[in-house]
């Protein structure tokens, strides 16, 4: 694979990662509501989910999503329901008046594990990622394309995504920003909850329109 082709893929992956969506909201919630470590865990797990989709797209899942709409719709609905579940959690956290921090090693460990789980699941339950990679890789991956090249593409996509959201986590948990965010914790949690619901409704609307 030529460097020019790799650079093209990397550039598109950067733009894709920077596009606002549910992933940004999830990283925001854990970076501000829990800790920088939780934000990192969410970002790295999300990158792992992106890499997973990149690999399986190159092995044919993207084509399956296109040719079997029921499978695509099922994953989309699961993703929407997961967003609604996250919205309920965020709204309850806002109502309980919990602080935007985590104290104690045990609590931190739990929050990091939950952040990693939600980071991965928000990517895994988004079939649009597979379609995105299908459209992208179809321009560069041929049937005789070696697995080493496929691994490089998948690693590039995962690394760029994880790096971007790690930068987001650092920025949101910066000392100059975090105090203001913590002072408005309840409102931020509610806004994130509403955002999750709106995105979920948009996904469900897209499924019904597609059907």
C-alpha atoms as a PDB file:
ATOM      1  CA  UNK A   1       0.000   0.000   0.000  1.00  0.00           C
ATOM      2  CA  UNK A   2       1.427   3.360  -1.001  1.00  0.00           C
ATOM      3  CA  UNK A   3       1.979   6.143   1.500  1.00  0.00           C
ATOM      4  CA  UNK A   4      -0.367   8.418  -0.454  1.00  0.00           C
ATOM      5  CA  UNK A   5      -3.186   5.876  -0.172  1.00  0.00           C
ATOM      6  CA  UNK A   6      -2.549   5.400   3.553  1.00  0.00           C
ATOM      7  CA  UNK A   7      -2.510   9.170   4.077  1.00  0.00           C
ATOM      8  CA  UNK A   8      -5.856   9.453   2.298  1.00  0.00           C
ATOM      9  CA  UNK A   9      -7.380   6.808   4.558  1.00  0.00           C
ATOM     10  CA  UNK A  10      -5.879   8.439   7.664  1.00  0.00           C
ATOM     11  CA  UNK A  11      -7.232  11.864   6.704  1.00  0.00           C
ATOM     12  CA  UNK A  12     -10.751  10.527   6.194  1.00  0.00           C
ATOM     13  CA  UNK A  13     -10.543   8.657   9.511  1.00  0.00           C
ATOM     14  CA  UNK A  14      -9.510  11.865  11.294  1.00  0.00           C
ATOM     15  CA  UNK A  15     -12.489  13.735   9.851  1.00  0.00           C
ATOM     16  CA  UNK A  16     -14.784  10.850  10.745  1.00  0.00           C
ATOM     17  CA  UNK A  17     -13.524  10.722  14.328  1.00  0.00           C
ATOM     18  CA  UNK A  18     -13.976  14.487  14.771  1.00  0.00           C
ATOM     19  CA  UNK A  19     -17.608  14.390  13.621  1.00  0.00           C
ATOM     20  CA  UNK A  20     -19.850  15.043  16.671  1.00  0.00           C
ATOM     21  CA  UNK A  21     -22.147  12.210  17.665  1.00  0.00           C
ATOM     22  CA  UNK A  22     -23.091   9.859  20.506  1.00  0.00           C
ATOM     23  CA  UNK A  23     -19.469   8.776  20.981  1.00  0.00           C
ATOM     24  CA  UNK A  24     -18.449  12.339  21.834  1.00  0.00           C
ATOM     25  CA  UNK A  25     -21.270  12.607  24.351  1.00  0.00           C
ATOM     26  CA  UNK A  26     -20.225   9.346  26.045  1.00  0.00           C
ATOM     27  CA  UNK A  27     -16.589  10.432  26.326  1.00  0.00           C
ATOM     28  CA  UNK A  28     -17.777  13.812  27.615  1.00  0.00           C
ATOM     29  CA  UNK A  29     -19.857  12.213  30.346  1.00  0.00           C
ATOM     30  CA  UNK A  30     -17.060   9.995  31.644  1.00  0.00           C
ATOM     31  CA  UNK A  31     -14.272  12.565  31.270  1.00  0.00           C
ATOM     32  CA  UNK A  32     -16.183  15.216  33.187  1.00  0.00           C
ATOM     33  CA  UNK A  33     -18.480  13.129  35.350  1.00  0.00           C
ATOM     34  CA  UNK A  34     -15.948  10.563  36.532  1.00  0.00           C
ATOM     35  CA  UNK A  35     -12.267  11.153  35.869  1.00  0.00           C
ATOM     36  CA  UNK A  36      -9.664  11.622  33.189  1.00  0.00           C
ATOM     37  CA  UNK A  37      -8.779   7.926  33.552  1.00  0.00           C
ATOM     38  CA  UNK A  38     -12.397   6.989  32.858  1.00  0.00           C
ATOM     39  CA  UNK A  39     -12.354   9.251  29.803  1.00  0.00           C
ATOM     40  CA  UNK A  40      -9.198   7.541  28.561  1.00  0.00           C
ATOM     41  CA  UNK A  41     -10.725   4.095  29.138  1.00  0.00           C
ATOM     42  CA  UNK A  42     -13.829   5.107  27.201  1.00  0.00           C
ATOM     43  CA  UNK A  43     -11.717   6.562  24.376  1.00  0.00           C
ATOM     44  CA  UNK A  44      -9.430   3.525  24.087  1.00  0.00           C
ATOM     45  CA  UNK A  45     -12.327   1.070  24.187  1.00  0.00           C
ATOM     46  CA  UNK A  46     -14.139   3.088  21.531  1.00  0.00           C
ATOM     47  CA  UNK A  47     -11.024   2.919  19.377  1.00  0.00           C
ATOM     48  CA  UNK A  48     -11.011  -0.846  19.905  1.00  0.00           C
ATOM     49  CA  UNK A  49     -14.605  -0.986  18.699  1.00  0.00           C
ATOM     50  CA  UNK A  50     -13.662   1.053  15.637  1.00  0.00           C
ATOM     51  CA  UNK A  51     -10.767  -1.313  14.913  1.00  0.00           C
ATOM     52  CA  UNK A  52     -13.097  -4.285  15.318  1.00  0.00           C
ATOM     53  CA  UNK A  53     -15.490  -2.862  12.736  1.00  0.00           C
ATOM     54  CA  UNK A  54     -12.625  -2.005  10.410  1.00  0.00           C
ATOM     55  CA  UNK A  55     -11.415  -5.620  10.453  1.00  0.00           C
ATOM     56  CA  UNK A  56     -14.773  -7.301  10.065  1.00  0.00           C
ATOM     57  CA  UNK A  57     -15.834  -4.837   7.375  1.00  0.00           C
ATOM     58  CA  UNK A  58     -12.871  -5.940   5.302  1.00  0.00           C
ATOM     59  CA  UNK A  59     -14.013  -9.536   5.828  1.00  0.00           C
ATOM     60  CA  UNK A  60     -17.508  -8.874   4.558  1.00  0.00           C
ATOM     61  CA  UNK A  61     -19.757  -7.623   7.369  1.00  0.00           C
ATOM     62  CA  UNK A  62     -20.364  -4.308   5.625  1.00  0.00           C
ATOM     63  CA  UNK A  63     -21.697  -6.173   2.608  1.00  0.00           C
ATOM     64  CA  UNK A  64     -23.922  -8.231   4.926  1.00  0.00           C
ATOM     65  CA  UNK A  65     -25.399  -5.049   6.397  1.00  0.00           C
ATOM     66  CA  UNK A  66     -26.184  -3.833   2.887  1.00  0.00           C
ATOM     67  CA  UNK A  67     -27.662  -7.067   1.590  1.00  0.00           C
ATOM     68  CA  UNK A  68     -29.596  -8.087   4.737  1.00  0.00           C
ATOM     69  CA  UNK A  69     -31.489  -4.985   5.919  1.00  0.00           C
ATOM     70  CA  UNK A  70     -33.099  -6.856   8.824  1.00  0.00           C
ATOM     71  CA  UNK A  71     -29.681  -7.507  10.376  1.00  0.00           C
ATOM     72  CA  UNK A  72     -28.699  -3.865   9.943  1.00  0.00           C
ATOM     73  CA  UNK A  73     -31.987  -2.684  11.462  1.00  0.00           C
ATOM     74  CA  UNK A  74     -31.667  -5.049  14.428  1.00  0.00           C
ATOM     75  CA  UNK A  75     -28.225  -3.699  15.327  1.00  0.00           C
ATOM     76  CA  UNK A  76     -29.460  -0.121  14.855  1.00  0.00           C
ATOM     77  CA  UNK A  77     -32.400  -0.701  17.202  1.00  0.00           C
ATOM     78  CA  UNK A  78     -30.120  -2.255  19.828  1.00  0.00           C
ATOM     79  CA  UNK A  79     -27.856   0.768  19.543  1.00  0.00           C
ATOM     80  CA  UNK A  80     -30.799   3.154  19.994  1.00  0.00           C
ATOM     81  CA  UNK A  81     -32.010   1.243  23.061  1.00  0.00           C
ATOM     82  CA  UNK A  82     -28.494   1.353  24.518  1.00  0.00           C
ATOM     83  CA  UNK A  83     -28.442   5.141  24.049  1.00  0.00           C
ATOM     84  CA  UNK A  84     -31.774   5.440  25.841  1.00  0.00           C
ATOM     85  CA  UNK A  85     -30.393   3.341  28.703  1.00  0.00           C
ATOM     86  CA  UNK A  86     -27.378   5.670  28.934  1.00  0.00           C
ATOM     87  CA  UNK A  87     -29.763   8.643  28.902  1.00  0.00           C
ATOM     88  CA  UNK A  88     -31.671   7.210  31.867  1.00  0.00           C
ATOM     89  CA  UNK A  89     -28.405   6.729  33.766  1.00  0.00           C
ATOM     90  CA  UNK A  90     -27.313  10.302  33.046  1.00  0.00           C
ATOM     91  CA  UNK A  91     -30.688  11.754  34.058  1.00  0.00           C
ATOM     92  CA  UNK A  92     -30.732   9.797  37.316  1.00  0.00           C
ATOM     93  CA  UNK A  93     -27.183  10.933  38.088  1.00  0.00           C
ATOM     94  CA  UNK A  94     -28.270  14.541  37.577  1.00  0.00           C
ATOM     95  CA  UNK A  95     -31.268  14.075  39.879  1.00  0.00           C
ATOM     96  CA  UNK A  96     -29.228  12.407  42.606  1.00  0.00           C
ATOM     97  CA  UNK A  97     -26.872  15.376  42.871  1.00  0.00           C
ATOM     98  CA  UNK A  98     -23.766  13.214  42.535  1.00  0.00           C
ATOM     99  CA  UNK A  99     -20.460  15.029  42.258  1.00  0.00           C
ATOM    100  CA  UNK A 100     -18.568  15.081  39.019  1.00  0.00           C
ATOM    101  CA  UNK A 101     -15.705  13.089  40.506  1.00  0.00           C
ATOM    102  CA  UNK A 102     -14.975   9.655  41.856  1.00  0.00           C
ATOM    103  CA  UNK A 103     -13.314   9.043  45.194  1.00  0.00           C
ATOM    104  CA  UNK A 104     -11.719   5.826  46.322  1.00  0.00           C
ATOM    105  CA  UNK A 105      -9.773   3.211  44.415  1.00  0.00           C
ATOM    106  CA  UNK A 106     -12.704   0.793  44.241  1.00  0.00           C
ATOM    107  CA  UNK A 107     -15.075   3.393  42.812  1.00  0.00           C
ATOM    108  CA  UNK A 108     -12.484   4.525  40.299  1.00  0.00           C
ATOM    109  CA  UNK A 109     -11.895   0.958  39.157  1.00  0.00           C
ATOM    110  CA  UNK A 110     -15.618   0.459  38.669  1.00  0.00           C
ATOM    111  CA  UNK A 111     -16.040   3.708  36.757  1.00  0.00           C
ATOM    112  CA  UNK A 112     -13.126   2.876  34.458  1.00  0.00           C
ATOM    113  CA  UNK A 113     -14.603  -0.531  33.699  1.00  0.00           C
ATOM    114  CA  UNK A 114     -18.022   0.969  32.970  1.00  0.00           C
ATOM    115  CA  UNK A 115     -16.431   3.661  30.810  1.00  0.00           C
ATOM    116  CA  UNK A 116     -14.565   1.044  28.773  1.00  0.00           C
ATOM    117  CA  UNK A 117     -17.735  -1.015  28.367  1.00  0.00           C
ATOM    118  CA  UNK A 118     -19.832   1.943  27.221  1.00  0.00           C
ATOM    119  CA  UNK A 119     -17.074   3.229  24.946  1.00  0.00           C
ATOM    120  CA  UNK A 120     -16.854  -0.103  23.150  1.00  0.00           C
ATOM    121  CA  UNK A 121     -20.604  -0.709  23.008  1.00  0.00           C
ATOM    122  CA  UNK A 122     -21.429   2.711  21.588  1.00  0.00           C
ATOM    123  CA  UNK A 123     -19.154   1.854  18.653  1.00  0.00           C
ATOM    124  CA  UNK A 124     -20.139  -1.810  18.417  1.00  0.00           C
ATOM    125  CA  UNK A 125     -23.865  -1.012  18.253  1.00  0.00           C
ATOM    126  CA  UNK A 126     -23.469   1.478  15.431  1.00  0.00           C
ATOM    127  CA  UNK A 127     -23.689  -0.332  12.073  1.00  0.00           C
ATOM    128  CA  UNK A 128     -23.139   2.956  10.259  1.00  0.00           C
ATOM    129  CA  UNK A 129     -19.468   2.572  11.160  1.00  0.00           C
ATOM    130  CA  UNK A 130     -19.322  -0.631   9.110  1.00  0.00           C
ATOM    131  CA  UNK A 131     -20.972   1.116   6.168  1.00  0.00           C
ATOM    132  CA  UNK A 132     -18.533   4.010   6.527  1.00  0.00           C
ATOM    133  CA  UNK A 133     -15.570   1.641   6.364  1.00  0.00           C
ATOM    134  CA  UNK A 134     -17.153  -0.284   3.514  1.00  0.00           C
ATOM    135  CA  UNK A 135     -17.378   2.901   1.479  1.00  0.00           C
ATOM    136  CA  UNK A 136     -13.854   3.925   2.497  1.00  0.00           C
ATOM    137  CA  UNK A 137     -12.016   0.639   2.111  1.00  0.00           C
ATOM    138  CA  UNK A 138     -13.718  -0.215  -1.174  1.00  0.00           C
ATOM    139  CA  UNK A 139     -11.556   2.489  -2.696  1.00  0.00           C
ATOM    140  CA  UNK A 140      -8.311   0.979  -1.459  1.00  0.00           C
ATOM    141  CA  UNK A 141      -8.790  -2.727  -0.669  1.00  0.00           C
ATOM    142  CA  UNK A 142      -8.861  -5.229  -3.514  1.00  0.00           C
ATOM    143  CA  UNK A 143      -9.475  -9.012  -3.327  1.00  0.00           C
ATOM    144  CA  UNK A 144      -5.736  -9.662  -3.549  1.00  0.00           C
ATOM    145  CA  UNK A 145      -4.957  -7.096  -0.837  1.00  0.00           C
ATOM    146  CA  UNK A 146      -2.614  -8.677   1.746  1.00  0.00           C
ATOM    147  CA  UNK A 147      -3.638  -9.082   5.380  1.00  0.00           C
ATOM    148  CA  UNK A 148      -0.681  -7.005   6.488  1.00  0.00           C
ATOM    149  CA  UNK A 149      -2.153  -4.058   4.609  1.00  0.00           C
ATOM    150  CA  UNK A 150      -5.596  -4.717   6.086  1.00  0.00           C
ATOM    151  CA  UNK A 151      -4.098  -4.768   9.570  1.00  0.00           C
ATOM    152  CA  UNK A 152      -2.374  -1.439   8.942  1.00  0.00           C
ATOM    153  CA  UNK A 153      -5.655   0.126   7.808  1.00  0.00           C
ATOM    154  CA  UNK A 154      -7.575  -1.259  10.792  1.00  0.00           C
ATOM    155  CA  UNK A 155      -4.874  -0.171  13.247  1.00  0.00           C
ATOM    156  CA  UNK A 156      -4.772   3.288  11.660  1.00  0.00           C
ATOM    157  CA  UNK A 157      -8.529   3.729  12.057  1.00  0.00           C
ATOM    158  CA  UNK A 158      -8.504   2.487  15.667  1.00  0.00           C
ATOM    159  CA  UNK A 159      -5.453   4.538  16.695  1.00  0.00           C
ATOM    160  CA  UNK A 160      -6.776   7.769  15.181  1.00  0.00           C
ATOM    161  CA  UNK A 161     -10.160   7.347  16.841  1.00  0.00           C
ATOM    162  CA  UNK A 162      -8.681   6.525  20.254  1.00  0.00           C
ATOM    163  CA  UNK A 163      -6.150   9.375  20.013  1.00  0.00           C
ATOM    164  CA  UNK A 164      -8.833  11.918  19.136  1.00  0.00           C
ATOM    165  CA  UNK A 165     -11.082  10.988  22.046  1.00  0.00           C
ATOM    166  CA  UNK A 166      -8.107  10.860  24.416  1.00  0.00           C
ATOM    167  CA  UNK A 167      -7.406  14.468  23.404  1.00  0.00           C
ATOM    168  CA  UNK A 168     -11.059  15.254  24.079  1.00  0.00           C
ATOM    169  CA  UNK A 169     -10.782  13.648  27.522  1.00  0.00           C
ATOM    170  CA  UNK A 170      -7.660  15.681  28.317  1.00  0.00           C
ATOM    171  CA  UNK A 171      -9.278  18.922  27.183  1.00  0.00           C
ATOM    172  CA  UNK A 172     -12.490  18.348  29.120  1.00  0.00           C
ATOM    173  CA  UNK A 173     -10.689  17.342  32.322  1.00  0.00           C
ATOM    174  CA  UNK A 174      -8.216  20.254  32.191  1.00  0.00           C
ATOM    175  CA  UNK A 175      -7.862  22.219  35.407  1.00  0.00           C
ATOM    176  CA  UNK A 176      -9.081  25.417  33.762  1.00  0.00           C
ATOM    177  CA  UNK A 177     -12.236  23.797  32.416  1.00  0.00           C
ATOM    178  CA  UNK A 178     -13.195  21.146  34.958  1.00  0.00           C
ATOM    179  CA  UNK A 179     -14.277  23.458  37.859  1.00  0.00           C
ATOM    180  CA  UNK A 180     -16.870  25.184  35.667  1.00  0.00           C
ATOM    181  CA  UNK A 181     -18.109  21.862  34.362  1.00  0.00           C
ATOM    182  CA  UNK A 182     -18.455  20.488  37.886  1.00  0.00           C
ATOM    183  CA  UNK A 183     -20.374  23.580  39.015  1.00  0.00           C
ATOM    184  CA  UNK A 184     -22.915  22.884  36.266  1.00  0.00           C
ATOM    185  CA  UNK A 185     -22.860  19.107  36.657  1.00  0.00           C
ATOM    186  CA  UNK A 186     -26.621  18.540  36.898  1.00  0.00           C
ATOM    187  CA  UNK A 187     -27.415  20.591  33.812  1.00  0.00           C
ATOM    188  CA  UNK A 188     -24.658  18.937  31.793  1.00  0.00           C
ATOM    189  CA  UNK A 189     -25.922  15.479  32.751  1.00  0.00           C
ATOM    190  CA  UNK A 190     -29.453  16.437  31.690  1.00  0.00           C
ATOM    191  CA  UNK A 191     -28.263  17.918  28.401  1.00  0.00           C
ATOM    192  CA  UNK A 192     -26.289  14.750  27.665  1.00  0.00           C
ATOM    193  CA  UNK A 193     -29.345  12.635  28.534  1.00  0.00           C
ATOM    194  CA  UNK A 194     -31.517  14.655  26.137  1.00  0.00           C
ATOM    195  CA  UNK A 195     -28.827  14.389  23.464  1.00  0.00           C
ATOM    196  CA  UNK A 196     -28.754  10.600  23.840  1.00  0.00           C
ATOM    197  CA  UNK A 197     -32.537  10.393  23.501  1.00  0.00           C
ATOM    198  CA  UNK A 198     -32.588  12.645  20.432  1.00  0.00           C
ATOM    199  CA  UNK A 199     -29.888  10.576  18.736  1.00  0.00           C
ATOM    200  CA  UNK A 200     -31.734   7.362  19.628  1.00  0.00           C
ATOM    201  CA  UNK A 201     -34.979   8.735  18.181  1.00  0.00           C
ATOM    202  CA  UNK A 202     -33.149   9.757  15.005  1.00  0.00           C
ATOM    203  CA  UNK A 203     -31.751   6.235  14.688  1.00  0.00           C
ATOM    204  CA  UNK A 204     -35.188   4.668  15.223  1.00  0.00           C
ATOM    205  CA  UNK A 205     -36.735   7.095  12.734  1.00  0.00           C
ATOM    206  CA  UNK A 206     -34.109   6.103  10.189  1.00  0.00           C
ATOM    207  CA  UNK A 207     -34.899   2.418  10.742  1.00  0.00           C
ATOM    208  CA  UNK A 208     -38.636   2.906  10.264  1.00  0.00           C
ATOM    209  CA  UNK A 209     -38.073   5.079   7.198  1.00  0.00           C
ATOM    210  CA  UNK A 210     -35.713   2.458   5.766  1.00  0.00           C
ATOM    211  CA  UNK A 211     -38.283  -0.280   6.343  1.00  0.00           C
END
